[in-house]
Amino acid sequence: MADPAASARHRPPAPNVGAMPSDFQLKTMNAVHRTLLKASGGHLGWKFSGLPVVELTTTGRKTGRDRTVLLISPTQQGDAIVVVASRGGDDQDPASFLNLRDNPDVTATVGGKPKQAMRARIATPDERAELWPRVTDAAKNYATYQTKTERVIPLVLLEPVA
């Protein structure tokens, strides 16, 4: 009869379920999502868990080139679209956040509507305190992400350019 303890010693370790996806995995997920949008002619992929998907294009702070990422908007504030710079609760801010922090002129497409010029701004502490409960009510995973990091996960308001 096999020794169960010996068998357990030779099993590979369980994956860390709470681990942050690598940059490669995040880029792959975005590429697959973009492919779904394109292959469906924009009929699929503009909602995720019932929330609107935002295609956000920032200017790379190092390269100066356009960088596009797909995010969800768990809430809106008037005409402003709110996005969360969570990076899954990682201790590092996402590159898209660093890009818009350094150059707040962005474009966004929401729900497949035409691309719109917007100006990004980081929510003030008071705005974040007001918006955070709405964010976590709409997308509970953000509350979990906040427990995984010591940084305060920023909220970004994307405001239409007049």
N, C-alpha and C. Protein backbone atom coordinates (compact mmCIF):
# COMPACT_ATOMS: atom_id res chain seq x y z
N MET A 1 0.84 -1.16 0.00
CA MET A 1 0.00 0.00 0.00
C MET A 1 0.90 1.24 0.00
N ALA A 2 0.51 2.25 -0.82
CA ALA A 2 1.30 3.48 -0.93
C ALA A 2 1.19 4.30 0.34
N ASP A 3 2.28 4.93 0.68
CA ASP A 3 2.32 5.80 1.85
C ASP A 3 1.73 7.16 1.46
N PRO A 4 0.54 7.56 2.02
CA PRO A 4 -0.08 8.83 1.65
C PRO A 4 0.82 10.02 1.95
N ALA A 5 1.58 9.96 3.03
CA ALA A 5 2.47 11.08 3.36
C ALA A 5 3.55 11.23 2.30
N ALA A 6 4.08 10.12 1.80
CA ALA A 6 5.11 10.18 0.76
C ALA A 6 4.50 10.74 -0.52
N SER A 7 3.27 10.35 -0.83
CA SER A 7 2.60 10.85 -2.03
C SER A 7 2.41 12.36 -1.95
N ALA A 8 2.00 12.86 -0.78
CA ALA A 8 1.78 14.28 -0.60
C ALA A 8 3.08 15.06 -0.75
N ARG A 9 4.21 14.46 -0.33
CA ARG A 9 5.50 15.16 -0.44
C ARG A 9 5.92 15.35 -1.89
N HIS A 10 5.40 14.52 -2.79
CA HIS A 10 5.82 14.58 -4.19
C HIS A 10 4.85 15.34 -5.08
N ARG A 11 3.76 15.83 -4.51
CA ARG A 11 2.81 16.63 -5.28
C ARG A 11 3.37 18.04 -5.47
N PRO A 12 3.11 18.63 -6.64
CA PRO A 12 3.55 20.02 -6.80
C PRO A 12 2.76 20.91 -5.86
N PRO A 13 3.34 22.02 -5.43
CA PRO A 13 2.62 22.91 -4.53
C PRO A 13 1.38 23.48 -5.21
N ALA A 14 0.36 23.72 -4.41
CA ALA A 14 -0.87 24.33 -4.94
C ALA A 14 -0.56 25.74 -5.39
N PRO A 15 -1.20 26.17 -6.48
CA PRO A 15 -0.95 27.55 -6.92
C PRO A 15 -1.47 28.53 -5.88
N ASN A 16 -0.82 29.68 -5.82
CA ASN A 16 -1.25 30.72 -4.91
C ASN A 16 -2.48 31.39 -5.51
N VAL A 17 -3.65 31.06 -4.98
CA VAL A 17 -4.91 31.54 -5.55
C VAL A 17 -4.97 33.06 -5.50
N GLY A 18 -4.39 33.67 -4.50
CA GLY A 18 -4.44 35.12 -4.38
C GLY A 18 -3.34 35.83 -5.14
N ALA A 19 -2.55 35.10 -5.91
CA ALA A 19 -1.41 35.71 -6.60
C ALA A 19 -1.88 36.66 -7.69
N MET A 20 -1.13 37.73 -7.87
CA MET A 20 -1.42 38.70 -8.90
C MET A 20 -0.97 38.15 -10.24
N PRO A 21 -1.82 38.26 -11.28
CA PRO A 21 -1.37 37.83 -12.60
C PRO A 21 -0.15 38.63 -13.05
N SER A 22 0.69 38.00 -13.83
CA SER A 22 1.87 38.68 -14.35
C SER A 22 1.45 39.70 -15.42
N ASP A 23 2.38 40.59 -15.78
CA ASP A 23 2.11 41.55 -16.85
C ASP A 23 1.72 40.82 -18.13
N PHE A 24 2.41 39.72 -18.42
CA PHE A 24 2.10 38.93 -19.61
C PHE A 24 0.66 38.42 -19.56
N GLN A 25 0.24 37.90 -18.41
CA GLN A 25 -1.13 37.39 -18.28
C GLN A 25 -2.15 38.52 -18.42
N LEU A 26 -1.88 39.67 -17.83
CA LEU A 26 -2.80 40.80 -17.95
C LEU A 26 -2.92 41.26 -19.40
N LYS A 27 -1.78 41.35 -20.09
CA LYS A 27 -1.80 41.76 -21.50
C LYS A 27 -2.52 40.72 -22.35
N THR A 28 -2.34 39.44 -22.03
CA THR A 28 -3.01 38.38 -22.77
C THR A 28 -4.53 38.46 -22.57
N MET A 29 -4.95 38.68 -21.32
CA MET A 29 -6.39 38.80 -21.04
C MET A 29 -6.99 39.97 -21.82
N ASN A 30 -6.26 41.11 -21.87
CA ASN A 30 -6.75 42.25 -22.64
C ASN A 30 -6.80 41.94 -24.12
N ALA A 31 -5.80 41.23 -24.63
CA ALA A 31 -5.78 40.88 -26.06
C ALA A 31 -6.95 39.96 -26.41
N VAL A 32 -7.23 38.99 -25.55
CA VAL A 32 -8.36 38.08 -25.79
C VAL A 32 -9.66 38.86 -25.77
N HIS A 33 -9.79 39.77 -24.83
CA HIS A 33 -11.00 40.59 -24.74
C HIS A 33 -11.17 41.44 -26.00
N ARG A 34 -10.06 42.08 -26.46
CA ARG A 34 -10.11 42.88 -27.69
C ARG A 34 -10.49 42.03 -28.89
N THR A 35 -9.97 40.80 -28.93
CA THR A 35 -10.30 39.88 -30.03
C THR A 35 -11.79 39.56 -30.02
N LEU A 36 -12.36 39.33 -28.85
CA LEU A 36 -13.80 39.08 -28.73
C LEU A 36 -14.60 40.27 -29.25
N LEU A 37 -14.20 41.46 -28.87
CA LEU A 37 -14.90 42.66 -29.36
C LEU A 37 -14.84 42.75 -30.88
N LYS A 38 -13.66 42.52 -31.43
CA LYS A 38 -13.48 42.63 -32.89
C LYS A 38 -14.21 41.51 -33.62
N ALA A 39 -14.06 40.28 -33.15
CA ALA A 39 -14.68 39.13 -33.83
C ALA A 39 -16.20 39.20 -33.81
N SER A 40 -16.75 39.81 -32.77
CA SER A 40 -18.22 39.89 -32.67
C SER A 40 -18.75 41.17 -33.30
N GLY A 41 -17.89 41.94 -33.91
CA GLY A 41 -18.31 43.21 -34.50
C GLY A 41 -18.79 44.19 -33.44
N GLY A 42 -18.27 44.04 -32.22
CA GLY A 42 -18.64 44.93 -31.13
C GLY A 42 -19.94 44.54 -30.44
N HIS A 43 -20.49 43.37 -30.79
CA HIS A 43 -21.74 42.93 -30.15
C HIS A 43 -21.50 42.27 -28.80
N LEU A 44 -20.31 41.74 -28.60
CA LEU A 44 -19.99 41.08 -27.33
C LEU A 44 -18.77 41.74 -26.70
N GLY A 45 -18.74 41.80 -25.38
CA GLY A 45 -17.56 42.26 -24.66
C GLY A 45 -17.63 43.66 -24.10
N TRP A 46 -18.73 44.39 -24.34
CA TRP A 46 -18.83 45.74 -23.80
C TRP A 46 -19.44 45.77 -22.41
N LYS A 47 -19.79 44.60 -21.88
CA LYS A 47 -20.24 44.46 -20.49
C LYS A 47 -19.45 43.33 -19.87
N PHE A 48 -19.11 43.49 -18.59
CA PHE A 48 -18.45 42.43 -17.85
C PHE A 48 -19.10 42.40 -16.48
N SER A 49 -19.68 41.27 -16.13
CA SER A 49 -20.43 41.13 -14.89
C SER A 49 -21.49 42.22 -14.76
N GLY A 50 -22.09 42.57 -15.89
CA GLY A 50 -23.15 43.57 -15.90
C GLY A 50 -22.68 45.01 -15.86
N LEU A 51 -21.37 45.22 -15.83
CA LEU A 51 -20.81 46.57 -15.75
C LEU A 51 -20.22 46.99 -17.09
N PRO A 52 -20.30 48.29 -17.41
CA PRO A 52 -19.76 48.74 -18.70
C PRO A 52 -18.25 48.60 -18.77
N VAL A 53 -17.79 48.20 -19.94
CA VAL A 53 -16.35 48.10 -20.22
C VAL A 53 -15.90 49.40 -20.87
N VAL A 54 -14.75 49.87 -20.43
CA VAL A 54 -14.15 51.10 -20.95
C VAL A 54 -12.85 50.73 -21.65
N GLU A 55 -12.73 51.15 -22.89
CA GLU A 55 -11.47 51.02 -23.61
C GLU A 55 -10.74 52.35 -23.43
N LEU A 56 -9.72 52.34 -22.58
CA LEU A 56 -9.00 53.56 -22.20
C LEU A 56 -7.66 53.61 -22.92
N THR A 57 -7.41 54.72 -23.59
CA THR A 57 -6.12 54.91 -24.27
C THR A 57 -5.39 56.06 -23.61
N THR A 58 -4.22 55.74 -23.10
CA THR A 58 -3.35 56.73 -22.47
C THR A 58 -2.11 56.89 -23.34
N THR A 59 -1.31 57.89 -23.00
CA THR A 59 -0.02 58.08 -23.67
C THR A 59 1.06 57.52 -22.75
N GLY A 60 1.85 56.61 -23.27
CA GLY A 60 2.92 56.00 -22.48
C GLY A 60 3.87 57.06 -21.94
N ARG A 61 4.10 57.03 -20.64
CA ARG A 61 4.95 58.07 -20.02
C ARG A 61 6.40 57.94 -20.43
N LYS A 62 6.83 56.75 -20.83
CA LYS A 62 8.22 56.54 -21.24
C LYS A 62 8.36 56.56 -22.76
N THR A 63 7.39 55.97 -23.47
CA THR A 63 7.50 55.82 -24.91
C THR A 63 6.82 56.93 -25.70
N GLY A 64 5.81 57.57 -25.10
CA GLY A 64 5.04 58.57 -25.83
C GLY A 64 4.04 57.95 -26.80
N ARG A 65 3.96 56.61 -26.81
CA ARG A 65 3.03 55.92 -27.72
C ARG A 65 1.70 55.65 -27.02
N ASP A 66 0.67 55.48 -27.83
CA ASP A 66 -0.65 55.15 -27.29
C ASP A 66 -0.61 53.78 -26.63
N ARG A 67 -1.25 53.68 -25.47
CA ARG A 67 -1.38 52.43 -24.73
C ARG A 67 -2.85 52.25 -24.39
N THR A 68 -3.41 51.13 -24.80
CA THR A 68 -4.84 50.90 -24.60
C THR A 68 -5.07 49.71 -23.69
N VAL A 69 -6.01 49.88 -22.76
CA VAL A 69 -6.36 48.84 -21.81
C VAL A 69 -7.89 48.82 -21.67
N LEU A 70 -8.43 47.64 -21.41
CA LEU A 70 -9.86 47.49 -21.18
C LEU A 70 -10.09 47.36 -19.68
N LEU A 71 -10.97 48.19 -19.16
CA LEU A 71 -11.29 48.23 -17.73
C LEU A 71 -12.80 48.23 -17.57
N ILE A 72 -13.27 47.98 -16.36
CA ILE A 72 -14.70 48.16 -16.11
C ILE A 72 -14.90 49.47 -15.36
N SER A 73 -16.11 50.00 -15.47
CA SER A 73 -16.48 51.19 -14.72
C SER A 73 -17.60 50.78 -13.77
N PRO A 74 -17.25 50.60 -12.49
CA PRO A 74 -18.26 50.15 -11.53
C PRO A 74 -19.27 51.21 -11.15
N THR A 75 -18.97 52.48 -11.43
CA THR A 75 -19.92 53.55 -11.13
C THR A 75 -19.56 54.76 -11.97
N GLN A 76 -20.48 55.68 -12.03
CA GLN A 76 -20.24 56.95 -12.72
C GLN A 76 -20.58 58.07 -11.74
N GLN A 77 -20.03 59.24 -12.01
CA GLN A 77 -20.27 60.42 -11.19
C GLN A 77 -20.65 61.54 -12.15
N GLY A 78 -21.94 61.76 -12.35
CA GLY A 78 -22.38 62.73 -13.35
C GLY A 78 -21.96 62.24 -14.73
N ASP A 79 -21.27 63.09 -15.48
CA ASP A 79 -20.75 62.72 -16.80
C ASP A 79 -19.43 61.96 -16.73
N ALA A 80 -18.84 61.91 -15.55
CA ALA A 80 -17.54 61.28 -15.40
C ALA A 80 -17.68 59.77 -15.26
N ILE A 81 -16.77 59.08 -15.92
CA ILE A 81 -16.68 57.62 -15.83
C ILE A 81 -15.64 57.33 -14.76
N VAL A 82 -15.97 56.45 -13.83
CA VAL A 82 -15.04 56.11 -12.75
C VAL A 82 -14.39 54.77 -13.07
N VAL A 83 -13.06 54.74 -13.03
CA VAL A 83 -12.32 53.49 -13.18
C VAL A 83 -11.43 53.32 -11.95
N VAL A 84 -11.01 52.10 -11.71
CA VAL A 84 -10.28 51.75 -10.50
C VAL A 84 -8.87 51.30 -10.89
N ALA A 85 -7.87 51.91 -10.27
CA ALA A 85 -6.47 51.56 -10.55
C ALA A 85 -6.02 50.47 -9.58
N SER A 86 -6.63 49.30 -9.68
CA SER A 86 -6.43 48.26 -8.67
C SER A 86 -5.25 47.33 -8.95
N ARG A 87 -5.09 46.97 -10.20
CA ARG A 87 -4.10 45.95 -10.59
C ARG A 87 -4.24 44.70 -9.73
N GLY A 88 -5.51 44.37 -9.43
CA GLY A 88 -5.81 43.15 -8.69
C GLY A 88 -5.33 43.16 -7.25
N GLY A 89 -5.10 44.34 -6.69
CA GLY A 89 -4.63 44.41 -5.32
C GLY A 89 -3.12 44.33 -5.19
N ASP A 90 -2.44 44.47 -6.31
CA ASP A 90 -0.98 44.43 -6.30
C ASP A 90 -0.44 45.68 -5.57
N ASP A 91 0.76 45.59 -5.06
CA ASP A 91 1.37 46.72 -4.37
C ASP A 91 1.82 47.82 -5.33
N GLN A 92 1.88 47.51 -6.62
CA GLN A 92 2.29 48.50 -7.63
C GLN A 92 1.05 49.05 -8.32
N ASP A 93 1.12 50.33 -8.64
CA ASP A 93 0.06 50.92 -9.45
C ASP A 93 0.13 50.37 -10.87
N PRO A 94 -1.02 50.24 -11.54
CA PRO A 94 -0.98 49.79 -12.94
C PRO A 94 -0.32 50.84 -13.84
N ALA A 95 0.31 50.38 -14.90
CA ALA A 95 0.98 51.29 -15.84
C ALA A 95 0.01 52.32 -16.41
N SER A 96 -1.23 51.91 -16.68
CA SER A 96 -2.20 52.86 -17.23
C SER A 96 -2.44 54.02 -16.27
N PHE A 97 -2.43 53.74 -14.97
CA PHE A 97 -2.61 54.80 -13.97
C PHE A 97 -1.40 55.74 -13.99
N LEU A 98 -0.20 55.19 -14.03
CA LEU A 98 1.00 56.02 -14.06
C LEU A 98 1.01 56.88 -15.32
N ASN A 99 0.55 56.31 -16.44
CA ASN A 99 0.50 57.06 -17.69
C ASN A 99 -0.47 58.24 -17.59
N LEU A 100 -1.69 57.98 -17.09
CA LEU A 100 -2.67 59.08 -17.05
C LEU A 100 -2.35 60.08 -15.95
N ARG A 101 -1.65 59.64 -14.92
CA ARG A 101 -1.20 60.57 -13.89
C ARG A 101 -0.22 61.59 -14.50
N ASP A 102 0.66 61.09 -15.37
CA ASP A 102 1.67 61.96 -15.98
C ASP A 102 1.13 62.73 -17.18
N ASN A 103 0.12 62.19 -17.85
CA ASN A 103 -0.50 62.86 -18.99
C ASN A 103 -2.00 62.57 -18.94
N PRO A 104 -2.78 63.46 -18.35
CA PRO A 104 -4.20 63.18 -18.13
C PRO A 104 -5.09 63.27 -19.38
N ASP A 105 -4.55 63.66 -20.50
CA ASP A 105 -5.35 63.69 -21.73
C ASP A 105 -5.44 62.29 -22.30
N VAL A 106 -6.64 61.72 -22.28
CA VAL A 106 -6.86 60.34 -22.69
C VAL A 106 -8.05 60.28 -23.65
N THR A 107 -8.25 59.11 -24.23
CA THR A 107 -9.50 58.85 -24.96
C THR A 107 -10.13 57.61 -24.35
N ALA A 108 -11.45 57.56 -24.46
CA ALA A 108 -12.17 56.41 -23.92
C ALA A 108 -13.34 56.08 -24.82
N THR A 109 -13.58 54.80 -24.92
CA THR A 109 -14.77 54.27 -25.58
C THR A 109 -15.52 53.49 -24.52
N VAL A 110 -16.78 53.80 -24.36
CA VAL A 110 -17.59 53.12 -23.35
C VAL A 110 -18.74 52.41 -24.04
N GLY A 111 -18.83 51.12 -23.80
CA GLY A 111 -19.95 50.36 -24.34
C GLY A 111 -20.04 50.34 -25.85
N GLY A 112 -18.93 50.53 -26.53
CA GLY A 112 -18.93 50.50 -27.99
C GLY A 112 -19.33 51.81 -28.63
N LYS A 113 -19.59 52.83 -27.83
CA LYS A 113 -19.93 54.14 -28.38
C LYS A 113 -18.68 54.75 -29.00
N PRO A 114 -18.83 55.83 -29.76
CA PRO A 114 -17.65 56.45 -30.37
C PRO A 114 -16.61 56.88 -29.34
N LYS A 115 -15.36 56.85 -29.76
CA LYS A 115 -14.23 57.27 -28.92
C LYS A 115 -14.43 58.74 -28.55
N GLN A 116 -14.07 59.05 -27.30
CA GLN A 116 -14.28 60.40 -26.80
C GLN A 116 -13.02 60.90 -26.10
N ALA A 117 -12.65 62.15 -26.38
CA ALA A 117 -11.53 62.78 -25.68
C ALA A 117 -11.96 63.05 -24.25
N MET A 118 -11.10 62.71 -23.31
CA MET A 118 -11.42 62.90 -21.90
C MET A 118 -10.17 63.38 -21.17
N ARG A 119 -10.42 63.91 -20.00
CA ARG A 119 -9.32 64.31 -19.12
C ARG A 119 -9.46 63.48 -17.86
N ALA A 120 -8.39 62.82 -17.49
CA ALA A 120 -8.39 61.95 -16.31
C ALA A 120 -7.92 62.75 -15.11
N ARG A 121 -8.57 62.48 -13.97
CA ARG A 121 -8.08 63.06 -12.74
C ARG A 121 -8.29 62.06 -11.61
N ILE A 122 -7.36 62.06 -10.70
CA ILE A 122 -7.42 61.15 -9.56
C ILE A 122 -8.40 61.73 -8.55
N ALA A 123 -9.30 60.88 -8.07
CA ALA A 123 -10.29 61.33 -7.09
C ALA A 123 -9.59 61.86 -5.85
N THR A 124 -10.11 62.94 -5.31
CA THR A 124 -9.60 63.47 -4.05
C THR A 124 -9.94 62.48 -2.94
N PRO A 125 -9.29 62.59 -1.79
CA PRO A 125 -9.65 61.70 -0.68
C PRO A 125 -11.14 61.75 -0.33
N ASP A 126 -11.74 62.95 -0.34
CA ASP A 126 -13.17 63.05 -0.04
C ASP A 126 -14.02 62.38 -1.12
N GLU A 127 -13.65 62.59 -2.38
CA GLU A 127 -14.39 61.93 -3.47
C GLU A 127 -14.26 60.42 -3.37
N ARG A 128 -13.04 59.95 -3.08
CA ARG A 128 -12.84 58.51 -2.96
C ARG A 128 -13.68 57.94 -1.83
N ALA A 129 -13.72 58.65 -0.70
CA ALA A 129 -14.52 58.18 0.44
C ALA A 129 -16.00 58.07 0.07
N GLU A 130 -16.47 58.97 -0.76
CA GLU A 130 -17.87 58.92 -1.22
C GLU A 130 -18.08 57.83 -2.26
N LEU A 131 -17.14 57.68 -3.18
CA LEU A 131 -17.30 56.75 -4.30
C LEU A 131 -16.97 55.30 -3.95
N TRP A 132 -16.02 55.06 -3.05
CA TRP A 132 -15.55 53.70 -2.77
C TRP A 132 -16.69 52.74 -2.40
N PRO A 133 -17.62 53.12 -1.52
CA PRO A 133 -18.72 52.18 -1.22
C PRO A 133 -19.56 51.84 -2.46
N ARG A 134 -19.75 52.80 -3.35
CA ARG A 134 -20.49 52.53 -4.59
C ARG A 134 -19.71 51.56 -5.49
N VAL A 135 -18.39 51.76 -5.53
CA VAL A 135 -17.52 50.89 -6.33
C VAL A 135 -17.62 49.45 -5.81
N THR A 136 -17.46 49.29 -4.50
CA THR A 136 -17.44 47.93 -3.93
C THR A 136 -18.82 47.29 -3.89
N ASP A 137 -19.88 48.10 -3.88
CA ASP A 137 -21.23 47.53 -4.00
C ASP A 137 -21.44 46.95 -5.40
N ALA A 138 -20.93 47.65 -6.41
CA ALA A 138 -21.10 47.22 -7.79
C ALA A 138 -20.16 46.08 -8.16
N ALA A 139 -18.96 46.08 -7.60
CA ALA A 139 -17.94 45.08 -7.94
C ALA A 139 -17.20 44.72 -6.65
N LYS A 140 -17.68 43.71 -5.98
CA LYS A 140 -17.18 43.33 -4.65
C LYS A 140 -15.70 42.95 -4.65
N ASN A 141 -15.17 42.52 -5.79
CA ASN A 141 -13.76 42.13 -5.84
C ASN A 141 -12.82 43.28 -5.47
N TYR A 142 -13.24 44.52 -5.69
CA TYR A 142 -12.37 45.64 -5.35
C TYR A 142 -12.13 45.75 -3.85
N ALA A 143 -13.12 45.41 -3.04
CA ALA A 143 -12.93 45.41 -1.58
C ALA A 143 -11.87 44.38 -1.21
N THR A 144 -11.91 43.22 -1.86
CA THR A 144 -10.90 42.19 -1.61
C THR A 144 -9.53 42.67 -2.05
N TYR A 145 -9.47 43.30 -3.21
CA TYR A 145 -8.18 43.82 -3.70
C TYR A 145 -7.57 44.80 -2.69
N GLN A 146 -8.41 45.65 -2.09
CA GLN A 146 -7.89 46.64 -1.15
C GLN A 146 -7.27 45.98 0.07
N THR A 147 -7.81 44.81 0.46
CA THR A 147 -7.25 44.12 1.63
C THR A 147 -5.90 43.48 1.31
N LYS A 148 -5.58 43.30 0.03
CA LYS A 148 -4.34 42.63 -0.37
C LYS A 148 -3.14 43.57 -0.44
N THR A 149 -3.39 44.87 -0.33
CA THR A 149 -2.30 45.83 -0.49
C THR A 149 -2.37 46.91 0.58
N GLU A 150 -1.22 47.49 0.87
CA GLU A 150 -1.19 48.60 1.82
C GLU A 150 -1.44 49.94 1.13
N ARG A 151 -1.29 49.98 -0.19
CA ARG A 151 -1.54 51.25 -0.89
C ARG A 151 -3.05 51.49 -0.95
N VAL A 152 -3.43 52.72 -0.97
CA VAL A 152 -4.84 53.06 -1.17
C VAL A 152 -5.08 52.98 -2.67
N ILE A 153 -5.97 52.10 -3.07
CA ILE A 153 -6.24 51.93 -4.50
C ILE A 153 -6.93 53.19 -5.02
N PRO A 154 -6.31 53.85 -6.00
CA PRO A 154 -6.87 55.09 -6.52
C PRO A 154 -8.11 54.87 -7.39
N LEU A 155 -9.01 55.85 -7.31
CA LEU A 155 -10.12 55.93 -8.24
C LEU A 155 -9.80 57.08 -9.19
N VAL A 156 -10.13 56.88 -10.46
CA VAL A 156 -9.86 57.87 -11.48
C VAL A 156 -11.18 58.27 -12.13
N LEU A 157 -11.39 59.56 -12.26
CA LEU A 157 -12.57 60.07 -12.95
C LEU A 157 -12.14 60.50 -14.35
N LEU A 158 -12.81 59.96 -15.34
CA LEU A 158 -12.57 60.33 -16.72
C LEU A 158 -13.68 61.29 -17.11
N GLU A 159 -13.31 62.55 -17.32
CA GLU A 159 -14.30 63.61 -17.58
C GLU A 159 -14.23 64.03 -19.04
N PRO A 160 -15.41 64.13 -19.68
CA PRO A 160 -15.42 64.55 -21.09
C PRO A 160 -14.78 65.92 -21.27
N VAL A 161 -14.03 66.06 -22.36
CA VAL A 161 -13.44 67.35 -22.70
C VAL A 161 -14.49 68.13 -23.45
N ALA A 162 -14.73 69.36 -22.99
CA ALA A 162 -15.79 70.21 -23.60
C ALA A 162 -15.37 70.75 -24.93
